[in-house]
């Protein structure tokens, strides 16, 4: 792996911090989830998404299985296989084969050709509801049934709320019997579904993406005040505890508790990499540059039992596989 000969550079390893579990495993486990747990998890998800969205990155597959959690309740967002830079041109079509169905925003379910970071916020709302109720909020077999469950809760959307949907999807919705909203049902998720919790959740689960709350405003919601305080008091790495001789420890908080990206992510380099050979060259140069900067060389033995166990491990996901998007044509 560490050879200077590029032709021998076959394996690429990414070594990351150990995260013992993920949010899906925690939700389906018998482990008790307190209100403090829910608040600190939700705060970390939104904090991470704020950074991504400020860099113009859409994750497009936010779900419990893609939220890794360690033994200290630190949470990290993973699996950027469907992520992309936000498309500024509304006339350019974006793929609909994104987001696991249970967490898929209604605009994608209804065939929108263009969508925004609001699709990630919808997914977070679904996860928030799942944390409260310990079950998938909208669990359906097909995309059409998924829409039915969503309208059971939110009511039938008006024409304005379906402005990004394809024509066939709008006609389908208009032909269906009108349903009134029943957001009060959110209070039945659990005893932890307080007025503040339901207020924030109902702002995330808005049919119209233009009216859906964004991550910045969600982070400012009073429901997350305690989660923010707990995270930055004893969990984060951006704040420091200073202890001086003869004095008590003082927590020094970072100037920006929820930072944004310094500049938007540029994807031009992806267009420049036209072959796997070029990708391999770039990776080789990056790794060798790191080695030259006095880093300790890392050698991996792919024949060891520990490595084989690691290589065959997977991140747990819900057992139900999401179907393809509905063909509205």
Foldseek 3Di string as FASTA:
>chain_A
DQDPDLVPLDDDDDDDDDFPAWQLVVLQDPDDQDLLLLLLLLLQVLLVLQQCVLLQKAQQADDRLQWTAHPVRRTDGDDSVPMDGADPDLPAFDDLQTYFLLLAAVLSLQPQRHDGSLSVLSSSLQVSLCNLQSDGQQDDDASVSSVVSLCQAQWQDDPVLNVRGDPLSVVVSVPDPTHHHDLVCSCVSHVSCDPLNSVLSVLSSDSRSVSRDHSVVSSVRPSNPSSLCVCQVPNDDQWDWDDDPPDDIDIGGHPDSRDYDPHHDDPVVVVVPPDVSVVSVVVSVVVNVVVVVVDDDDDDDCPDPVNVVVVPDDRDDPPDGGDGRDDSD
